C-alpha atoms as a PDB file:
ATOM      1  CA  MET A   1      -0.506 -17.957  -7.080  1.00  0.00           C
ATOM      2  CA  SER A   2       1.423 -14.893  -6.342  1.00  0.00           C
ATOM      3  CA  ILE A   3       0.818 -11.433  -7.271  1.00  0.00           C
ATOM      4  CA  PRO A   4       3.397 -10.898 -10.401  1.00  0.00           C
ATOM      5  CA  ALA A   5       2.503 -14.665 -11.301  1.00  0.00           C
ATOM      6  CA  ARG A   6      -1.376 -13.551 -11.505  1.00  0.00           C
ATOM      7  CA  PHE A   7      -0.166 -10.491 -13.241  1.00  0.00           C
ATOM      8  CA  LEU A   8       2.008 -11.784 -16.261  1.00  0.00           C
ATOM      9  CA  CYS A   9      -1.073 -14.470 -16.899  1.00  0.00           C
ATOM     10  CA  LEU A  10      -3.610 -11.397 -17.052  1.00  0.00           C
ATOM     11  CA  THR A  11      -1.442  -9.484 -19.180  1.00  0.00           C
ATOM     12  CA  LEU A  12      -0.721 -12.842 -21.774  1.00  0.00           C
ATOM     13  CA  LEU A  13      -5.004 -13.140 -22.175  1.00  0.00           C
ATOM     14  CA  LEU A  14      -5.073  -9.718 -23.126  1.00  0.00           C
ATOM     15  CA  LEU A  15      -2.109  -8.865 -25.758  1.00  0.00           C
ATOM     16  CA  PRO A  16      -4.047 -10.982 -28.255  1.00  0.00           C
ATOM     17  CA  LEU A  17      -6.593  -7.701 -29.214  1.00  0.00           C
ATOM     18  CA  ASN A  18      -3.370  -6.318 -30.199  1.00  0.00           C
ATOM     19  CA  SER A  19      -3.864  -8.738 -33.268  1.00  0.00           C
ATOM     20  CA  ILE A  20      -7.281  -8.382 -33.469  1.00  0.00           C
ATOM     21  CA  ALA A  21      -7.085  -4.934 -33.680  1.00  0.00           C
ATOM     22  CA  ALA A  22      -5.093  -5.154 -36.181  1.00  0.00           C
ATOM     23  CA  GLY A  23      -7.210  -5.504 -39.548  1.00  0.00           C
ATOM     24  CA  LYS A  24      -9.684  -3.621 -38.134  1.00  0.00           C
ATOM     25  CA  ASP A  25     -10.332   0.197 -38.929  1.00  0.00           C
ATOM     26  CA  PHE A  26     -10.757   1.695 -35.151  1.00  0.00           C
ATOM     27  CA  THR A  27     -10.062   5.563 -36.092  1.00  0.00           C
ATOM     28  CA  PRO A  28     -13.292   6.667 -34.951  1.00  0.00           C
ATOM     29  CA  VAL A  29     -12.271   4.866 -31.337  1.00  0.00           C
ATOM     30  CA  LEU A  30      -8.438   6.017 -31.511  1.00  0.00           C
ATOM     31  CA  SER A  31      -9.875   9.530 -31.980  1.00  0.00           C
ATOM     32  CA  TYR A  32     -11.657   9.247 -28.687  1.00  0.00           C
ATOM     33  CA  LEU A  33      -8.723   7.835 -26.463  1.00  0.00           C
ATOM     34  CA  THR A  34      -6.445  10.175 -28.268  1.00  0.00           C
ATOM     35  CA  ASN A  35      -8.683  12.762 -26.126  1.00  0.00           C
ATOM     36  CA  PRO A  36      -6.059  14.016 -23.593  1.00  0.00           C
ATOM     37  CA  ASN A  37      -8.529  13.942 -21.345  1.00  0.00           C
ATOM     38  CA  ILE A  38      -9.406  10.150 -21.568  1.00  0.00           C
ATOM     39  CA  ALA A  39      -6.435   9.073 -22.201  1.00  0.00           C
ATOM     40  CA  TYR A  40      -5.452  11.176 -18.594  1.00  0.00           C
ATOM     41  CA  LEU A  41      -8.429   8.862 -16.825  1.00  0.00           C
ATOM     42  CA  LEU A  42      -7.344   5.963 -18.654  1.00  0.00           C
ATOM     43  CA  LEU A  43      -3.765   6.276 -17.288  1.00  0.00           C
ATOM     44  CA  LEU A  44      -4.878   6.768 -13.556  1.00  0.00           C
ATOM     45  CA  ILE A  45      -8.356   3.984 -13.410  1.00  0.00           C
ATOM     46  CA  GLY A  46      -4.530   2.216 -14.644  1.00  0.00           C
ATOM     47  CA  ILE A  47      -2.750   2.947 -11.887  1.00  0.00           C
ATOM     48  CA  TYR A  48      -5.509   2.593  -9.530  1.00  0.00           C
ATOM     49  CA  GLY A  49      -6.591  -0.649 -10.731  1.00  0.00           C
ATOM     50  CA  VAL A  50      -3.476  -2.233  -9.932  1.00  0.00           C
ATOM     51  CA  PHE A  51      -2.159  -0.129  -6.579  1.00  0.00           C
ATOM     52  CA  PHE A  52      -5.941  -1.959  -5.420  1.00  0.00           C
ATOM     53  CA  GLU A  53      -4.974  -5.320  -6.702  1.00  0.00           C
ATOM     54  CA  PHE A  54      -1.647  -5.267  -4.625  1.00  0.00           C
ATOM     55  CA  THR A  55      -3.140  -3.939  -1.763  1.00  0.00           C
ATOM     56  CA  HIS A  56      -6.359  -6.780  -1.962  1.00  0.00           C
ATOM     57  CA  PRO A  57      -5.176  -9.609  -3.923  1.00  0.00           C
ATOM     58  CA  GLY A  58      -7.393 -12.167  -5.448  1.00  0.00           C
ATOM     59  CA  LEU A  59     -10.209  -9.610  -6.985  1.00  0.00           C
ATOM     60  CA  ILE A  60      -8.905 -10.207 -10.397  1.00  0.00           C
ATOM     61  CA  ILE A  61     -11.381  -7.515 -10.939  1.00  0.00           C
ATOM     62  CA  PRO A  62      -9.470  -4.578 -10.155  1.00  0.00           C
ATOM     63  CA  GLY A  63      -6.205  -5.360 -11.900  1.00  0.00           C
ATOM     64  CA  LEU A  64      -8.239  -6.727 -14.855  1.00  0.00           C
ATOM     65  CA  THR A  65      -9.411  -3.103 -15.155  1.00  0.00           C
ATOM     66  CA  GLY A  66      -5.839  -1.592 -14.500  1.00  0.00           C
ATOM     67  CA  ILE A  67      -4.059  -3.568 -16.734  1.00  0.00           C
ATOM     68  CA  LEU A  68      -6.104  -3.224 -19.554  1.00  0.00           C
ATOM     69  CA  SER A  69      -6.329   0.369 -19.181  1.00  0.00           C
ATOM     70  CA  LEU A  70      -2.075   0.312 -18.721  1.00  0.00           C
ATOM     71  CA  ILE A  71      -2.681  -1.604 -22.348  1.00  0.00           C
ATOM     72  CA  ILE A  72      -4.490   0.728 -23.917  1.00  0.00           C
ATOM     73  CA  VAL A  73      -2.421   3.193 -22.717  1.00  0.00           C
ATOM     74  CA  THR A  74       0.803   2.333 -24.105  1.00  0.00           C
ATOM     75  CA  TYR A  75      -1.218   1.954 -27.349  1.00  0.00           C
ATOM     76  CA  VAL A  76      -2.174   5.057 -27.511  1.00  0.00           C
ATOM     77  CA  PHE A  77       0.292   7.722 -25.567  1.00  0.00           C
ATOM     78  CA  PRO A  78       2.854   7.276 -28.346  1.00  0.00           C
ATOM     79  CA  MET A  79      -0.026   8.626 -30.710  1.00  0.00           C
ATOM     80  CA  LEU A  80       0.108  12.057 -28.203  1.00  0.00           C
ATOM     81  CA  PRO A  81       2.824  14.819 -26.999  1.00  0.00           C
ATOM     82  CA  ILE A  82       3.543  13.161 -24.238  1.00  0.00           C
ATOM     83  CA  ASP A  83       5.842  14.810 -22.119  1.00  0.00           C
ATOM     84  CA  TYR A  84       7.528  12.068 -19.682  1.00  0.00           C
ATOM     85  CA  PHE A  85       8.935  14.815 -17.304  1.00  0.00           C
ATOM     86  CA  GLY A  86       5.232  15.942 -16.329  1.00  0.00           C
ATOM     87  CA  LEU A  87       4.209  11.537 -16.199  1.00  0.00           C
ATOM     88  CA  VAL A  88       7.294  11.365 -13.691  1.00  0.00           C
ATOM     89  CA  LEU A  89       6.403  14.029 -12.106  1.00  0.00           C
ATOM     90  CA  ILE A  90       2.568  12.197 -11.615  1.00  0.00           C
ATOM     91  CA  LEU A  91       4.027   9.306 -10.094  1.00  0.00           C
ATOM     92  CA  LEU A  92       5.935  11.070  -7.772  1.00  0.00           C
ATOM     93  CA  GLY A  93       3.508  12.570  -6.497  1.00  0.00           C
ATOM     94  CA  ILE A  94       1.288   9.376  -6.400  1.00  0.00           C
ATOM     95  CA  GLY A  95       4.472   8.069  -4.902  1.00  0.00           C
ATOM     96  CA  PHE A  96       4.624  10.849  -2.203  1.00  0.00           C
ATOM     97  CA  MET A  97       0.938  10.266  -1.127  1.00  0.00           C
ATOM     98  CA  ILE A  98       1.607   7.148  -0.374  1.00  0.00           C
ATOM     99  CA  THR A  99       4.872   8.540   2.480  1.00  0.00           C
ATOM    100  CA  GLU A 100       2.117   9.846   3.799  1.00  0.00           C
ATOM    101  CA  ALA A 101       0.150   7.340   5.001  1.00  0.00           C
ATOM    102  CA  TYR A 102       2.212   5.196   6.286  1.00  0.00           C
ATOM    103  CA  THR A 103       4.659   8.040   8.144  1.00  0.00           C
ATOM    104  CA  ILE A 104       2.267  10.902   9.388  1.00  0.00           C
ATOM    105  CA  ASN A 105       4.017  14.072   9.030  1.00  0.00           C
ATOM    106  CA  TYR A 106       1.285  16.256   9.162  1.00  0.00           C
ATOM    107  CA  GLY A 107       0.558  16.663   5.639  1.00  0.00           C
ATOM    108  CA  VAL A 108       3.869  18.024   4.693  1.00  0.00           C
ATOM    109  CA  ILE A 109       4.164  14.842   2.050  1.00  0.00           C
ATOM    110  CA  ALA A 110       1.151  14.881   0.749  1.00  0.00           C
ATOM    111  CA  LEU A 111       0.720  18.338  -0.213  1.00  0.00           C
ATOM    112  CA  PHE A 112       4.176  18.337  -1.665  1.00  0.00           C
ATOM    113  CA  GLY A 113       2.453  14.702  -3.768  1.00  0.00           C
ATOM    114  CA  ILE A 114      -0.807  16.633  -4.668  1.00  0.00           C
ATOM    115  CA  ILE A 115       1.743  20.062  -5.563  1.00  0.00           C
ATOM    116  CA  ALA A 116       3.726  17.442  -8.191  1.00  0.00           C
ATOM    117  CA  PHE A 117       0.395  15.643  -9.083  1.00  0.00           C
ATOM    118  CA  ILE A 118      -0.921  18.663 -10.161  1.00  0.00           C
ATOM    119  CA  LEU A 119       2.029  19.616 -12.266  1.00  0.00           C
ATOM    120  CA  GLY A 120       2.311  16.645 -14.021  1.00  0.00           C
ATOM    121  CA  SER A 121      -1.176  16.464 -14.967  1.00  0.00           C
ATOM    122  CA  VAL A 122      -0.298  19.648 -16.262  1.00  0.00           C
ATOM    123  CA  LEU A 123       2.302  19.125 -17.998  1.00  0.00           C
ATOM    124  CA  LEU A 124       1.577  15.924 -19.327  1.00  0.00           C
ATOM    125  CA  PHE A 125       1.390  16.950 -22.668  1.00  0.00           C
ATOM    126  CA  ASP A 126       3.424  19.104 -24.304  1.00  0.00           C
ATOM    127  CA  ILE A 127       2.663  22.578 -23.135  1.00  0.00           C
ATOM    128  CA  HIS A 128       3.069  24.221 -26.837  1.00  0.00           C
ATOM    129  CA  GLN A 129       0.188  21.986 -28.895  1.00  0.00           C
ATOM    130  CA  PRO A 130      -2.746  23.755 -27.937  1.00  0.00           C
ATOM    131  CA  HIS A 131      -5.386  21.141 -28.853  1.00  0.00           C
ATOM    132  CA  TYR A 132      -3.878  18.685 -26.436  1.00  0.00           C
ATOM    133  CA  HIS A 133      -4.428  20.203 -22.813  1.00  0.00           C
ATOM    134  CA  ILE A 134      -6.195  18.372 -19.833  1.00  0.00           C
ATOM    135  CA  SER A 135      -9.290  20.154 -18.664  1.00  0.00           C
ATOM    136  CA  ILE A 136      -8.074  22.153 -14.952  1.00  0.00           C
ATOM    137  CA  PRO A 137     -11.162  21.083 -13.367  1.00  0.00           C
ATOM    138  CA  LEU A 138     -10.527  17.541 -13.933  1.00  0.00           C
ATOM    139  CA  ILE A 139      -6.800  17.517 -12.736  1.00  0.00           C
ATOM    140  CA  LEU A 140      -7.947  19.596  -9.398  1.00  0.00           C
ATOM    141  CA  VAL A 141     -10.920  16.742  -8.997  1.00  0.00           C
ATOM    142  CA  MET A 142      -8.299  13.490  -9.721  1.00  0.00           C
ATOM    143  CA  SER A 143      -6.541  15.256  -7.739  1.00  0.00           C
ATOM    144  CA  ILE A 144      -8.366  14.822  -4.509  1.00  0.00           C
ATOM    145  CA  ILE A 145      -9.823  11.731  -5.517  1.00  0.00           C
ATOM    146  CA  THR A 146      -6.556  10.460  -5.995  1.00  0.00           C
ATOM    147  CA  PHE A 147      -5.200  11.287  -2.240  1.00  0.00           C
ATOM    148  CA  LEU A 148      -8.454  10.102  -0.728  1.00  0.00           C
ATOM    149  CA  PHE A 149      -7.827   6.476  -2.573  1.00  0.00           C
ATOM    150  CA  LEU A 150      -4.857   6.677  -1.605  1.00  0.00           C
ATOM    151  CA  PHE A 151      -5.493   7.313   2.094  1.00  0.00           C
ATOM    152  CA  ILE A 152      -8.281   5.735   3.030  1.00  0.00           C
ATOM    153  CA  MET A 153      -7.127   2.196   0.846  1.00  0.00           C
ATOM    154  CA  LEU A 154      -3.666   2.597   2.402  1.00  0.00           C
ATOM    155  CA  SER A 155      -5.936   3.013   6.113  1.00  0.00           C
ATOM    156  CA  PHE A 156      -7.518   0.045   6.070  1.00  0.00           C
ATOM    157  CA  VAL A 157      -4.123  -1.748   4.964  1.00  0.00           C
ATOM    158  CA  ILE A 158      -2.457  -0.166   8.132  1.00  0.00           C
ATOM    159  CA  GLN A 159      -5.105  -0.860  10.139  1.00  0.00           C
ATOM    160  CA  SER A 160      -5.834  -4.420   9.089  1.00  0.00           C
ATOM    161  CA  ARG A 161      -2.256  -5.233  10.105  1.00  0.00           C
ATOM    162  CA  LYS A 162      -2.254  -3.506  13.212  1.00  0.00           C
ATOM    163  CA  ARG A 163      -5.366  -5.516  13.868  1.00  0.00           C
ATOM    164  CA  LYS A 164      -3.171  -8.768  12.385  1.00  0.00           C
ATOM    165  CA  PHE A 165      -0.298  -7.817  15.051  1.00  0.00           C
ATOM    166  CA  ALA A 166      -2.361  -7.265  18.525  1.00  0.00           C
ATOM    167  CA  THR A 167      -4.503 -10.050  18.205  1.00  0.00           C
ATOM    168  CA  GLY A 168      -0.959 -12.252  17.840  1.00  0.00           C
ATOM    169  CA  ASN A 169       0.435 -10.729  20.869  1.00  0.00           C
ATOM    170  CA  GLU A 170      -2.856 -11.120  22.929  1.00  0.00           C
ATOM    171  CA  SER A 171      -2.989 -14.639  22.551  1.00  0.00           C
ATOM    172  CA  LEU A 172       0.971 -14.488  25.057  1.00  0.00           C
ATOM    173  CA  ILE A 173      -1.730 -13.269  27.960  1.00  0.00           C
ATOM    174  CA  GLY A 174      -1.917 -16.533  30.341  1.00  0.00           C
ATOM    175  CA  HIS A 175       1.478 -17.919  28.871  1.00  0.00           C
ATOM    176  CA  ASP A 176       3.880 -19.234  31.185  1.00  0.00           C
ATOM    177  CA  ALA A 177       7.705 -17.376  31.036  1.00  0.00           C
ATOM    178  CA  VAL A 178      11.314 -18.563  31.748  1.00  0.00           C
ATOM    179  CA  VAL A 179      13.626 -15.255  32.776  1.00  0.00           C
ATOM    180  CA  LEU A 180      16.531 -15.478  30.986  1.00  0.00           C
ATOM    181  CA  SER A 181      18.315 -12.438  32.115  1.00  0.00           C
ATOM    182  CA  VAL A 182      17.998  -9.599  34.526  1.00  0.00           C
ATOM    183  CA  ILE A 183      20.223  -6.029  34.229  1.00  0.00           C
ATOM    184  CA  ASN A 184      18.644  -3.078  35.810  1.00  0.00           C
ATOM    185  CA  GLU A 185      15.424  -2.382  34.638  1.00  0.00           C
ATOM    186  CA  GLN A 186      15.716  -4.475  31.382  1.00  0.00           C
ATOM    187  CA  ILE A 187      14.040  -7.529  31.534  1.00  0.00           C
ATOM    188  CA  LEU A 188      14.218 -10.898  28.830  1.00  0.00           C
ATOM    189  CA  VAL A 189      11.884 -13.636  29.053  1.00  0.00           C
ATOM    190  CA  ARG A 190      12.120 -16.750  26.767  1.00  0.00           C
ATOM    191  CA  VAL A 191       8.124 -18.123  25.583  1.00  0.00           C
ATOM    192  CA  LEU A 192       6.996 -20.447  23.224  1.00  0.00           C
ATOM    193  CA  GLY A 193      10.561 -20.521  21.784  1.00  0.00           C
ATOM    194  CA  GLU A 194      10.380 -16.771  21.375  1.00  0.00           C
ATOM    195  CA  ILE A 195      12.501 -13.661  23.667  1.00  0.00           C
ATOM    196  CA  TRP A 196      10.588 -10.487  24.271  1.00  0.00           C
ATOM    197  CA  ASN A 197      11.292  -7.842  26.536  1.00  0.00           C
ATOM    198  CA  ALA A 198       9.285  -7.934  30.134  1.00  0.00           C
ATOM    199  CA  LYS A 199       8.933  -5.716  32.943  1.00  0.00           C
ATOM    200  CA  SER A 200       7.678  -6.993  36.629  1.00  0.00           C
ATOM    201  CA  ALA A 201       6.840  -5.359  40.014  1.00  0.00           C
ATOM    202  CA  ASP A 202       7.938  -8.436  41.063  1.00  0.00           C
ATOM    203  CA  LYS A 203      12.031  -9.131  41.892  1.00  0.00           C
ATOM    204  CA  LEU A 204      13.055 -11.451  39.569  1.00  0.00           C
ATOM    205  CA  LYS A 205      16.768 -13.601  38.459  1.00  0.00           C
ATOM    206  CA  PRO A 206      17.236 -15.376  35.608  1.00  0.00           C
ATOM    207  CA  GLY A 207      15.579 -18.786  35.839  1.00  0.00           C
ATOM    208  CA  ASP A 208      12.845 -17.686  37.191  1.00  0.00           C
ATOM    209  CA  ALA A 209       9.259 -19.036  35.838  1.00  0.00           C
ATOM    210  CA  VAL A 210       7.007 -16.322  35.152  1.00  0.00           C
ATOM    211  CA  HIS A 211       2.999 -15.677  34.173  1.00  0.00           C
ATOM    212  CA  ILE A 212       1.955 -12.848  31.335  1.00  0.00           C
ATOM    213  CA  THR A 213      -0.881 -11.022  32.564  1.00  0.00           C
ATOM    214  CA  HIS A 214      -0.261  -8.072  29.989  1.00  0.00           C
ATOM    215  CA  VAL A 215       0.855  -7.402  26.468  1.00  0.00           C
ATOM    216  CA  GLN A 216       1.482  -4.067  25.547  1.00  0.00           C
ATOM    217  CA  GLU A 217       2.575  -3.954  22.014  1.00  0.00           C
ATOM    218  CA  SER A 218       6.215  -5.878  22.214  1.00  0.00           C
ATOM    219  CA  LEU A 219       6.343  -5.146  26.213  1.00  0.00           C
ATOM    220  CA  LEU A 220       5.244  -8.010  28.371  1.00  0.00           C
ATOM    221  CA  THR A 221       3.919  -7.864  31.815  1.00  0.00           C
ATOM    222  CA  VAL A 222       4.725 -10.626  33.442  1.00  0.00           C
ATOM    223  CA  LYS A 223       3.923 -11.618  37.723  1.00  0.00           C
ATOM    224  CA  LEU A 224       6.509 -14.277  39.497  1.00  0.00           C
ATOM    225  CA  MET A 225       4.740 -17.291  40.166  1.00  0.00           C
ATOM    226  CA  ASN A 226       4.952 -18.977  43.301  1.00  0.00           C
ATOM    227  CA  GLU A 227       5.722 -22.386  44.508  1.00  0.00           C
ATOM    228  CA  GLN A 228       1.738 -23.595  44.842  1.00  0.00           C
ATOM    229  CA  ASN A 229       0.984 -22.096  40.895  1.00  0.00           C
ATOM    230  CA  LEU A 230       3.742 -24.001  39.369  1.00  0.00           C
ATOM    231  CA  HIS A 231       2.852 -27.398  41.329  1.00  0.00           C
ATOM    232  CA  SER A 232      -0.926 -26.873  40.305  1.00  0.00           C
ATOM    233  CA  ARG A 233       0.760 -26.533  36.490  1.00  0.00           C
END
């Protein structure tokens, strides 16, 4: 089942909770959930859960927790003096932090992300409402946790993809290939039906049979096969 389909199923399973809650008196619960600090934490838990499910599909529990938290948030937020500019800043800050993990820029983008996240957290509720402010220590702690969470999670994802890419390429070592073209020092070879860039210490010409001895990212190192090697194969 695809990730969007999984989330749709989880959402449909949770929607009946609203119908059950319709005839009940949940005033004490609502007074607790409408606490700005709690609503803020639920929002972040929802974002964390959905993000974790997308980066590690199949675990279900993080996605379920995230969707449940976001459903509660969508129910509670209309009762609160939300400033959606603050919400946009929070999402923008998270986006900057994710971008930093993919494109290392010496922390510049991450710094802007943290600043946007903190400002968005401060402005999430109407600043003219004195009883609807998020605790500053909580904002600082969650900013650090958010940065570390996103950075660690994305680092694992990126490293995993790099390992898969490297393992797949290294499996070409030992295979034979055919030279397609030699233009100056640019060599193109065909191996297993795919065309690769290559380099060689031997003098090659189109049609030569070569043996792959090393792989570095997308560049193959090849060696000219002599007549004896060709007959032995």
